[in-house]
Amino acid sequence: MKRKYIILDSNYLAHRAKYIFGDLSDRGSATGVVYGFLRDILTLRERFDSDRFIFCWDYGVNKRLDVYPEYKQHRKVEERTTEEEEFEDAFQLQVSQLREVYLHTIGYRNIFFQDGYESDDVMAMVCKSLLFELEEAVIVTADQDLWQSIRRNISWYDPRTRELMTLGRFKKTYGIHPRHWARVKAIAGCTSDNVKGIVGVGDATALKYLKNELNTTTKAYQNIKAGWKDIVLRNKPLVKLPYKGTKSVRIVKDNVTQNGWDSVCKVLGMKSIRYKNII
């Protein structure tokens, strides 16, 4: 089996499982999130021919709020019905069980999270560690902010679209090195995170500016120059990964066993994945 790490945006995969399998239950307890998550692990193992998983999680109140209170604050939670509250509670419980119990029981040991930081930050820190080891890895997420972590030995994969972004493809498509992607987002802003960029400037225009291809007489160019100090320099630490203070991680050897898988699947009544031969 190839020595390749699969670095997971675990919160993303858990939310994905929530909306696909959220109604599944066993003996009155919700199990859909755990089922979908474990099913994704098996699918990714086969896709990348590796069982060397690294699980990265969001945890706690985001520290970016200390310097930018608007960060992700557009994601307002609407008033929920009792049924919706119960569904959300079941989701949170399953996430906790995955992170704290089930993955450990199976034998996975590289399960990382840090209070106040996003899975993105932890994933980017893992990538920094792998650069020194020159190990091959693939980042699994739908978040394009992680493009900035792409390197010769690290690619990016979106399980929704099955798009694989390698260093060569990225440079050919955008004409810059991935490490400069944070500068693009600092200029253009990040809608998904509610980070406001230069008005009227999107990713394509920001790329032209960075590559010196934007006409200096255009309004977009003048807006970027005028807003550089107050907007771009404010945004850069918000969008650059990992965020300041993210701790380094130490990757250890797993102890994944068939018995570990079987015990978790038996407890949760997951017969369809219980007997998969993953070793």
C-alpha atoms as a PDB file:
ATOM      1  CA  MET A   1       0.000   0.000   0.000  1.00  0.00           C
ATOM      2  CA  LYS A   2       1.319   3.449  -0.953  1.00  0.00           C
ATOM      3  CA  ARG A   3       2.601   5.695   1.818  1.00  0.00           C
ATOM      4  CA  LYS A   4       0.080   8.477   1.369  1.00  0.00           C
ATOM      5  CA  TYR A   5      -1.681  10.461   4.080  1.00  0.00           C
ATOM      6  CA  ILE A   6      -5.345  11.360   3.646  1.00  0.00           C
ATOM      7  CA  ILE A   7      -5.985  14.594   5.573  1.00  0.00           C
ATOM      8  CA  LEU A   8      -9.681  14.967   6.355  1.00  0.00           C
ATOM      9  CA  ASP A   9     -11.786  18.065   6.933  1.00  0.00           C
ATOM     10  CA  SER A  10     -13.741  16.026   9.464  1.00  0.00           C
ATOM     11  CA  ASN A  11     -16.411  18.644  10.201  1.00  0.00           C
ATOM     12  CA  TYR A  12     -17.157  18.942   6.498  1.00  0.00           C
ATOM     13  CA  LEU A  13     -17.518  15.171   6.121  1.00  0.00           C
ATOM     14  CA  ALA A  14     -19.725  15.012   9.220  1.00  0.00           C
ATOM     15  CA  HIS A  15     -22.041  17.744   7.884  1.00  0.00           C
ATOM     16  CA  ARG A  16     -22.104  15.999   4.514  1.00  0.00           C
ATOM     17  CA  ALA A  17     -23.174  12.770   6.208  1.00  0.00           C
ATOM     18  CA  LYS A  18     -25.774  14.694   8.236  1.00  0.00           C
ATOM     19  CA  TYR A  19     -27.648  15.808   5.119  1.00  0.00           C
ATOM     20  CA  ILE A  20     -27.319  12.488   3.275  1.00  0.00           C
ATOM     21  CA  PHE A  21     -27.867   9.964   6.063  1.00  0.00           C
ATOM     22  CA  GLY A  22     -29.194  12.105   8.910  1.00  0.00           C
ATOM     23  CA  ASP A  23     -32.435  10.136   9.267  1.00  0.00           C
ATOM     24  CA  LEU A  24     -30.733   6.788   9.932  1.00  0.00           C
ATOM     25  CA  SER A  25     -31.043   5.387  13.432  1.00  0.00           C
ATOM     26  CA  ASP A  26     -30.562   2.180  15.371  1.00  0.00           C
ATOM     27  CA  ARG A  27     -32.686   1.214  18.363  1.00  0.00           C
ATOM     28  CA  GLY A  28     -33.894   4.792  18.727  1.00  0.00           C
ATOM     29  CA  SER A  29     -30.463   6.456  18.508  1.00  0.00           C
ATOM     30  CA  ALA A  30     -29.315   8.524  15.519  1.00  0.00           C
ATOM     31  CA  THR A  31     -26.445   6.894  13.632  1.00  0.00           C
ATOM     32  CA  GLY A  32     -26.516   8.476  10.163  1.00  0.00           C
ATOM     33  CA  VAL A  33     -23.611  10.864  10.699  1.00  0.00           C
ATOM     34  CA  VAL A  34     -21.313   8.111  11.977  1.00  0.00           C
ATOM     35  CA  TYR A  35     -22.449   5.770   9.199  1.00  0.00           C
ATOM     36  CA  GLY A  36     -21.815   8.326   6.452  1.00  0.00           C
ATOM     37  CA  PHE A  37     -18.468   9.331   7.948  1.00  0.00           C
ATOM     38  CA  LEU A  38     -17.183   5.751   8.182  1.00  0.00           C
ATOM     39  CA  ARG A  39     -18.525   5.009   4.720  1.00  0.00           C
ATOM     40  CA  ASP A  40     -16.527   7.961   3.376  1.00  0.00           C
ATOM     41  CA  ILE A  41     -13.383   6.634   5.046  1.00  0.00           C
ATOM     42  CA  LEU A  42     -13.773   3.317   3.228  1.00  0.00           C
ATOM     43  CA  THR A  43     -14.486   5.067  -0.079  1.00  0.00           C
ATOM     44  CA  LEU A  44     -11.453   7.344   0.274  1.00  0.00           C
ATOM     45  CA  ARG A  45      -9.261   4.434   1.333  1.00  0.00           C
ATOM     46  CA  GLU A  46     -10.092   2.684  -1.917  1.00  0.00           C
ATOM     47  CA  ARG A  47      -9.823   5.855  -4.002  1.00  0.00           C
ATOM     48  CA  PHE A  48      -6.323   6.726  -2.749  1.00  0.00           C
ATOM     49  CA  ASP A  49      -5.106   3.245  -1.838  1.00  0.00           C
ATOM     50  CA  SER A  50      -4.159   4.232   1.685  1.00  0.00           C
ATOM     51  CA  ASP A  51      -5.388   3.766   5.233  1.00  0.00           C
ATOM     52  CA  ARG A  52      -3.210   6.528   6.716  1.00  0.00           C
ATOM     53  CA  PHE A  53      -5.906   8.974   7.786  1.00  0.00           C
ATOM     54  CA  ILE A  54      -5.473  12.240   9.674  1.00  0.00           C
ATOM     55  CA  PHE A  55      -8.678  13.649  11.185  1.00  0.00           C
ATOM     56  CA  CYS A  56      -8.890  17.422  11.721  1.00  0.00           C
ATOM     57  CA  TRP A  57     -11.796  19.069  13.556  1.00  0.00           C
ATOM     58  CA  ASP A  58     -13.193  22.503  14.378  1.00  0.00           C
ATOM     59  CA  TYR A  59     -13.252  23.111  18.111  1.00  0.00           C
ATOM     60  CA  GLY A  60     -14.423  25.904  20.398  1.00  0.00           C
ATOM     61  CA  VAL A  61     -15.092  29.581  19.657  1.00  0.00           C
ATOM     62  CA  ASN A  62     -13.083  30.831  16.693  1.00  0.00           C
ATOM     63  CA  LYS A  63     -10.194  33.095  17.706  1.00  0.00           C
ATOM     64  CA  ARG A  64     -10.608  35.153  14.535  1.00  0.00           C
ATOM     65  CA  LEU A  65     -13.660  36.712  16.175  1.00  0.00           C
ATOM     66  CA  ASP A  66     -11.319  38.503  18.585  1.00  0.00           C
ATOM     67  CA  VAL A  67      -9.944  40.643  15.748  1.00  0.00           C
ATOM     68  CA  TYR A  68     -12.830  40.485  13.270  1.00  0.00           C
ATOM     69  CA  PRO A  69     -16.244  40.125  14.989  1.00  0.00           C
ATOM     70  CA  GLU A  70     -18.033  39.756  11.643  1.00  0.00           C
ATOM     71  CA  TYR A  71     -16.205  36.506  10.871  1.00  0.00           C
ATOM     72  CA  LYS A  72     -18.815  33.952   9.733  1.00  0.00           C
ATOM     73  CA  GLN A  73     -21.523  35.944  11.495  1.00  0.00           C
ATOM     74  CA  HIS A  74     -23.699  35.909   8.372  1.00  0.00           C
ATOM     75  CA  ARG A  75     -24.442  32.276   9.182  1.00  0.00           C
ATOM     76  CA  LYS A  76     -27.285  33.155  11.506  1.00  0.00           C
ATOM     77  CA  VAL A  77     -29.161  30.288  13.090  1.00  0.00           C
ATOM     78  CA  GLU A  78     -32.866  30.651  12.451  1.00  0.00           C
ATOM     79  CA  GLU A  79     -35.338  29.660  15.127  1.00  0.00           C
ATOM     80  CA  ARG A  80     -35.699  25.889  15.063  1.00  0.00           C
ATOM     81  CA  THR A  81     -38.630  23.638  15.741  1.00  0.00           C
ATOM     82  CA  THR A  82     -38.368  21.077  18.526  1.00  0.00           C
ATOM     83  CA  GLU A  83     -37.753  18.387  15.919  1.00  0.00           C
ATOM     84  CA  GLU A  84     -34.969  20.436  14.310  1.00  0.00           C
ATOM     85  CA  GLU A  85     -33.369  21.042  17.708  1.00  0.00           C
ATOM     86  CA  GLU A  86     -33.379  17.322  18.413  1.00  0.00           C
ATOM     87  CA  PHE A  87     -31.846  16.643  14.983  1.00  0.00           C
ATOM     88  CA  GLU A  88     -29.056  19.155  15.660  1.00  0.00           C
ATOM     89  CA  ASP A  89     -28.428  17.745  19.132  1.00  0.00           C
ATOM     90  CA  ALA A  90     -28.153  14.260  17.640  1.00  0.00           C
ATOM     91  CA  PHE A  91     -25.667  15.564  15.086  1.00  0.00           C
ATOM     92  CA  GLN A  92     -23.469  17.185  17.734  1.00  0.00           C
ATOM     93  CA  LEU A  93     -23.539  14.032  19.850  1.00  0.00           C
ATOM     94  CA  GLN A  94     -22.441  11.880  16.925  1.00  0.00           C
ATOM     95  CA  VAL A  95     -19.602  14.276  16.090  1.00  0.00           C
ATOM     96  CA  SER A  96     -18.414  14.088  19.681  1.00  0.00           C
ATOM     97  CA  GLN A  97     -18.649  10.297  19.685  1.00  0.00           C
ATOM     98  CA  LEU A  98     -16.681  10.068  16.454  1.00  0.00           C
ATOM     99  CA  ARG A  99     -13.953  12.398  17.679  1.00  0.00           C
ATOM    100  CA  GLU A 100     -13.698  11.080  21.224  1.00  0.00           C
ATOM    101  CA  VAL A 101     -14.675   7.396  21.018  1.00  0.00           C
ATOM    102  CA  TYR A 102     -15.342   5.600  17.735  1.00  0.00           C
ATOM    103  CA  LEU A 103     -12.244   6.586  15.745  1.00  0.00           C
ATOM    104  CA  HIS A 104     -10.041   5.699  18.714  1.00  0.00           C
ATOM    105  CA  THR A 105     -11.813   2.354  19.077  1.00  0.00           C
ATOM    106  CA  ILE A 106     -11.132   1.510  15.433  1.00  0.00           C
ATOM    107  CA  GLY A 107      -7.470   2.302  16.019  1.00  0.00           C
ATOM    108  CA  TYR A 108      -6.947   5.710  14.442  1.00  0.00           C
ATOM    109  CA  ARG A 109      -4.513   7.832  16.435  1.00  0.00           C
ATOM    110  CA  ASN A 110      -4.050  11.022  14.404  1.00  0.00           C
ATOM    111  CA  ILE A 111      -7.132  12.911  15.573  1.00  0.00           C
ATOM    112  CA  PHE A 112      -6.362  16.609  15.945  1.00  0.00           C
ATOM    113  CA  PHE A 113      -8.254  19.678  17.174  1.00  0.00           C
ATOM    114  CA  GLN A 114      -7.346  22.814  19.054  1.00  0.00           C
ATOM    115  CA  ASP A 115      -9.598  25.094  21.076  1.00  0.00           C
ATOM    116  CA  GLY A 116     -10.424  28.245  19.092  1.00  0.00           C
ATOM    117  CA  TYR A 117      -9.212  26.963  15.732  1.00  0.00           C
ATOM    118  CA  GLU A 118     -10.847  25.551  12.616  1.00  0.00           C
ATOM    119  CA  SER A 119     -10.174  22.246  10.940  1.00  0.00           C
ATOM    120  CA  ASP A 120      -8.652  24.353   8.121  1.00  0.00           C
ATOM    121  CA  ASP A 121      -5.971  25.626  10.487  1.00  0.00           C
ATOM    122  CA  VAL A 122      -5.166  22.154  11.766  1.00  0.00           C
ATOM    123  CA  MET A 123      -5.079  20.710   8.242  1.00  0.00           C
ATOM    124  CA  ALA A 124      -2.715  23.454   7.093  1.00  0.00           C
ATOM    125  CA  MET A 125      -0.467  22.779  10.087  1.00  0.00           C
ATOM    126  CA  VAL A 126      -0.433  19.070   9.254  1.00  0.00           C
ATOM    127  CA  CYS A 127       0.599  19.967   5.705  1.00  0.00           C
ATOM    128  CA  LYS A 128       3.468  22.072   7.032  1.00  0.00           C
ATOM    129  CA  SER A 129       4.665  19.075   9.023  1.00  0.00           C
ATOM    130  CA  LEU A 130       4.494  16.810   5.972  1.00  0.00           C
ATOM    131  CA  LEU A 131       6.532  19.249   3.877  1.00  0.00           C
ATOM    132  CA  PHE A 132       9.504  18.540   6.089  1.00  0.00           C
ATOM    133  CA  GLU A 133       8.918  14.795   5.924  1.00  0.00           C
ATOM    134  CA  LEU A 134       8.359  14.895   2.143  1.00  0.00           C
ATOM    135  CA  GLU A 135       5.484  12.469   2.533  1.00  0.00           C
ATOM    136  CA  GLU A 136       2.731  12.357  -0.088  1.00  0.00           C
ATOM    137  CA  ALA A 137      -0.705  13.535   1.034  1.00  0.00           C
ATOM    138  CA  VAL A 138      -4.125  14.547  -0.206  1.00  0.00           C
ATOM    139  CA  ILE A 139      -6.362  17.114   1.519  1.00  0.00           C
ATOM    140  CA  VAL A 140     -10.031  16.065   1.454  1.00  0.00           C
ATOM    141  CA  THR A 141     -12.385  19.047   1.678  1.00  0.00           C
ATOM    142  CA  ALA A 142     -14.697  21.240  -0.380  1.00  0.00           C
ATOM    143  CA  ASP A 143     -13.027  24.373   1.027  1.00  0.00           C
ATOM    144  CA  GLN A 144     -10.875  26.078  -1.591  1.00  0.00           C
ATOM    145  CA  ASP A 145      -9.057  28.058   1.107  1.00  0.00           C
ATOM    146  CA  LEU A 146      -6.934  24.916   1.492  1.00  0.00           C
ATOM    147  CA  TRP A 147      -5.595  25.441  -2.026  1.00  0.00           C
ATOM    148  CA  GLN A 148      -2.871  27.496  -0.368  1.00  0.00           C
ATOM    149  CA  SER A 149      -1.496  24.286   1.160  1.00  0.00           C
ATOM    150  CA  ILE A 150      -1.041  22.510  -2.180  1.00  0.00           C
ATOM    151  CA  ARG A 151       2.581  21.592  -2.869  1.00  0.00           C
ATOM    152  CA  ARG A 152       4.537  19.147  -4.993  1.00  0.00           C
ATOM    153  CA  ASN A 153       3.694  16.327  -2.587  1.00  0.00           C
ATOM    154  CA  ILE A 154       0.283  17.594  -1.406  1.00  0.00           C
ATOM    155  CA  SER A 155      -2.887  17.702  -3.533  1.00  0.00           C
ATOM    156  CA  TRP A 156      -6.496  18.743  -2.831  1.00  0.00           C
ATOM    157  CA  TYR A 157      -9.611  16.627  -3.416  1.00  0.00           C
ATOM    158  CA  ASP A 158     -13.306  17.551  -3.307  1.00  0.00           C
ATOM    159  CA  PRO A 159     -15.412  14.432  -2.605  1.00  0.00           C
ATOM    160  CA  ARG A 160     -18.548  16.101  -3.979  1.00  0.00           C
ATOM    161  CA  THR A 161     -17.183  16.783  -7.456  1.00  0.00           C
ATOM    162  CA  ARG A 162     -14.276  14.298  -7.328  1.00  0.00           C
ATOM    163  CA  GLU A 163     -12.050  17.124  -8.480  1.00  0.00           C
ATOM    164  CA  LEU A 164      -8.348  16.624  -7.796  1.00  0.00           C
ATOM    165  CA  MET A 165      -6.209  19.764  -7.718  1.00  0.00           C
ATOM    166  CA  THR A 166      -2.485  19.163  -8.010  1.00  0.00           C
ATOM    167  CA  LEU A 167       0.338  21.704  -7.975  1.00  0.00           C
ATOM    168  CA  GLY A 168       0.778  21.470 -11.726  1.00  0.00           C
ATOM    169  CA  ARG A 169      -2.910  21.894 -12.453  1.00  0.00           C
ATOM    170  CA  PHE A 170      -3.232  24.828 -10.060  1.00  0.00           C
ATOM    171  CA  LYS A 171      -0.282  26.726 -11.545  1.00  0.00           C
ATOM    172  CA  LYS A 172      -1.515  26.064 -15.071  1.00  0.00           C
ATOM    173  CA  THR A 173      -5.047  27.239 -14.214  1.00  0.00           C
ATOM    174  CA  TYR A 174      -4.278  30.314 -12.096  1.00  0.00           C
ATOM    175  CA  GLY A 175      -0.746  31.278 -13.033  1.00  0.00           C
ATOM    176  CA  ILE A 176       0.465  31.656  -9.447  1.00  0.00           C
ATOM    177  CA  HIS A 177       1.904  29.374  -6.792  1.00  0.00           C
ATOM    178  CA  PRO A 178      -0.701  28.067  -4.315  1.00  0.00           C
ATOM    179  CA  ARG A 179       1.072  29.783  -1.404  1.00  0.00           C
ATOM    180  CA  HIS A 180      -0.121  33.094  -2.898  1.00  0.00           C
ATOM    181  CA  TRP A 181      -3.793  32.073  -2.886  1.00  0.00           C
ATOM    182  CA  ALA A 182      -4.254  33.744   0.511  1.00  0.00           C
ATOM    183  CA  ARG A 183      -3.308  37.060  -1.103  1.00  0.00           C
ATOM    184  CA  VAL A 184      -6.065  36.548  -3.682  1.00  0.00           C
ATOM    185  CA  LYS A 185      -8.618  35.999  -0.902  1.00  0.00           C
ATOM    186  CA  ALA A 186      -7.283  38.943   1.111  1.00  0.00           C
ATOM    187  CA  ILE A 187      -8.004  41.204  -1.867  1.00  0.00           C
ATOM    188  CA  ALA A 188     -11.256  39.653  -3.086  1.00  0.00           C
ATOM    189  CA  GLY A 189     -12.587  38.594   0.305  1.00  0.00           C
ATOM    190  CA  CYS A 190     -14.181  35.298   1.247  1.00  0.00           C
ATOM    191  CA  THR A 191     -17.969  35.144   0.995  1.00  0.00           C
ATOM    192  CA  SER A 192     -18.274  31.828   2.838  1.00  0.00           C
ATOM    193  CA  ASP A 193     -16.442  33.274   5.867  1.00  0.00           C
ATOM    194  CA  ASN A 194     -18.010  36.750   5.621  1.00  0.00           C
ATOM    195  CA  VAL A 195     -14.609  38.390   5.137  1.00  0.00           C
ATOM    196  CA  LYS A 196     -15.258  41.556   3.140  1.00  0.00           C
ATOM    197  CA  GLY A 197     -12.816  42.291   0.332  1.00  0.00           C
ATOM    198  CA  ILE A 198     -12.336  45.202  -2.042  1.00  0.00           C
ATOM    199  CA  VAL A 199     -15.698  46.279  -3.442  1.00  0.00           C
ATOM    200  CA  GLY A 200     -16.223  45.092  -7.012  1.00  0.00           C
ATOM    201  CA  VAL A 201     -13.167  42.826  -7.027  1.00  0.00           C
ATOM    202  CA  GLY A 202     -13.470  39.048  -7.351  1.00  0.00           C
ATOM    203  CA  ASP A 203     -10.891  36.290  -7.496  1.00  0.00           C
ATOM    204  CA  ALA A 204     -10.230  36.731 -11.224  1.00  0.00           C
ATOM    205  CA  THR A 205      -9.519  40.460 -10.882  1.00  0.00           C
ATOM    206  CA  ALA A 206      -7.374  39.895  -7.797  1.00  0.00           C
ATOM    207  CA  LEU A 207      -5.331  37.360  -9.760  1.00  0.00           C
ATOM    208  CA  LYS A 208      -4.805  39.858 -12.575  1.00  0.00           C
ATOM    209  CA  TYR A 209      -3.632  42.436 -10.049  1.00  0.00           C
ATOM    210  CA  LEU A 210      -1.129  40.054  -8.474  1.00  0.00           C
ATOM    211  CA  LYS A 211       0.193  39.026 -11.895  1.00  0.00           C
ATOM    212  CA  ASN A 212       0.513  42.693 -12.969  1.00  0.00           C
ATOM    213  CA  GLU A 213      -2.080  42.130 -15.675  1.00  0.00           C
ATOM    214  CA  LEU A 214      -4.662  44.639 -14.414  1.00  0.00           C
ATOM    215  CA  ASN A 215      -4.801  47.970 -16.224  1.00  0.00           C
ATOM    216  CA  THR A 216      -3.715  50.703 -13.808  1.00  0.00           C
ATOM    217  CA  THR A 217      -6.402  53.046 -15.132  1.00  0.00           C
ATOM    218  CA  THR A 218      -9.299  50.766 -14.184  1.00  0.00           C
ATOM    219  CA  LYS A 219     -11.535  51.423 -11.203  1.00  0.00           C
ATOM    220  CA  ALA A 220     -10.742  47.976  -9.801  1.00  0.00           C
ATOM    221  CA  TYR A 221      -7.019  48.738  -9.756  1.00  0.00           C
ATOM    222  CA  GLN A 222      -7.579  52.078  -8.048  1.00  0.00           C
ATOM    223  CA  ASN A 223      -9.907  50.477  -5.481  1.00  0.00           C
ATOM    224  CA  ILE A 224      -7.314  47.851  -4.617  1.00  0.00           C
ATOM    225  CA  LYS A 225      -4.592  50.450  -4.164  1.00  0.00           C
ATOM    226  CA  ALA A 226      -6.876  52.633  -2.063  1.00  0.00           C
ATOM    227  CA  GLY A 227      -8.059  49.776   0.135  1.00  0.00           C
ATOM    228  CA  TRP A 228      -4.762  47.949   0.531  1.00  0.00           C
ATOM    229  CA  LYS A 229      -3.953  49.205   4.026  1.00  0.00           C
ATOM    230  CA  ASP A 230      -7.417  49.098   5.591  1.00  0.00           C
ATOM    231  CA  ILE A 231      -8.881  46.023   3.871  1.00  0.00           C
ATOM    232  CA  VAL A 232      -6.213  43.782   2.335  1.00  0.00           C
ATOM    233  CA  LEU A 233      -3.770  43.975   5.230  1.00  0.00           C
ATOM    234  CA  ARG A 234      -6.664  43.420   7.658  1.00  0.00           C
ATOM    235  CA  ASN A 235      -7.844  40.357   5.733  1.00  0.00           C
ATOM    236  CA  LYS A 236      -4.522  38.650   5.173  1.00  0.00           C
ATOM    237  CA  PRO A 237      -4.120  37.141   8.678  1.00  0.00           C
ATOM    238  CA  LEU A 238      -7.791  36.087   8.609  1.00  0.00           C
ATOM    239  CA  VAL A 239      -7.507  34.080   5.396  1.00  0.00           C
ATOM    240  CA  LYS A 240      -3.946  32.809   5.630  1.00  0.00           C
ATOM    241  CA  LEU A 241      -3.673  29.237   6.917  1.00  0.00           C
ATOM    242  CA  PRO A 242      -2.881  28.181   9.532  1.00  0.00           C
ATOM    243  CA  TYR A 243      -4.100  31.012  11.757  1.00  0.00           C
ATOM    244  CA  LYS A 244      -1.565  32.439  14.186  1.00  0.00           C
ATOM    245  CA  GLY A 245      -1.157  30.332  17.313  1.00  0.00           C
ATOM    246  CA  THR A 246      -2.074  27.017  15.714  1.00  0.00           C
ATOM    247  CA  LYS A 247       0.045  24.395  17.416  1.00  0.00           C
ATOM    248  CA  SER A 248       2.225  21.938  15.555  1.00  0.00           C
ATOM    249  CA  VAL A 249       1.169  18.290  15.479  1.00  0.00           C
ATOM    250  CA  ARG A 250       3.038  15.028  15.735  1.00  0.00           C
ATOM    251  CA  ILE A 251       1.858  12.255  13.467  1.00  0.00           C
ATOM    252  CA  VAL A 252       1.991   8.766  14.982  1.00  0.00           C
ATOM    253  CA  LYS A 253       1.393   5.233  13.745  1.00  0.00           C
ATOM    254  CA  ASP A 254      -2.186   3.971  13.775  1.00  0.00           C
ATOM    255  CA  ASN A 255      -3.371   0.675  15.190  1.00  0.00           C
ATOM    256  CA  VAL A 256      -6.374   0.057  12.965  1.00  0.00           C
ATOM    257  CA  THR A 257      -7.842  -3.424  13.293  1.00  0.00           C
ATOM    258  CA  GLN A 258     -10.739  -5.353  11.828  1.00  0.00           C
ATOM    259  CA  ASN A 259     -11.926  -6.054  15.378  1.00  0.00           C
ATOM    260  CA  GLY A 260     -11.996  -2.298  16.039  1.00  0.00           C
ATOM    261  CA  TRP A 261     -14.176  -1.693  13.016  1.00  0.00           C
ATOM    262  CA  ASP A 262     -16.438  -4.608  13.835  1.00  0.00           C
ATOM    263  CA  SER A 263     -16.955  -3.508  17.429  1.00  0.00           C
ATOM    264  CA  VAL A 264     -18.046  -0.010  16.417  1.00  0.00           C
ATOM    265  CA  CYS A 265     -20.293  -1.257  13.626  1.00  0.00           C
ATOM    266  CA  LYS A 266     -21.849  -3.878  15.901  1.00  0.00           C
ATOM    267  CA  VAL A 267     -22.705  -1.311  18.571  1.00  0.00           C
ATOM    268  CA  LEU A 268     -24.344   0.925  15.969  1.00  0.00           C
ATOM    269  CA  GLY A 269     -26.045  -1.816  13.973  1.00  0.00           C
ATOM    270  CA  MET A 270     -24.159  -1.020  10.769  1.00  0.00           C
ATOM    271  CA  LYS A 271     -24.239  -4.386   9.012  1.00  0.00           C
ATOM    272  CA  SER A 272     -23.551  -3.003   5.540  1.00  0.00           C
ATOM    273  CA  ILE A 273     -20.038  -1.844   6.438  1.00  0.00           C
ATOM    274  CA  ARG A 274     -19.346  -4.149   9.364  1.00  0.00           C
ATOM    275  CA  TYR A 275     -17.507  -6.857   7.428  1.00  0.00           C
ATOM    276  CA  LYS A 276     -15.490  -4.719   5.065  1.00  0.00           C
ATOM    277  CA  ASN A 277     -11.943  -6.007   4.866  1.00  0.00           C
ATOM    278  CA  ILE A 278     -10.016  -2.788   5.446  1.00  0.00           C
ATOM    279  CA  ILE A 279      -6.714  -4.285   6.574  1.00  0.00           C
END
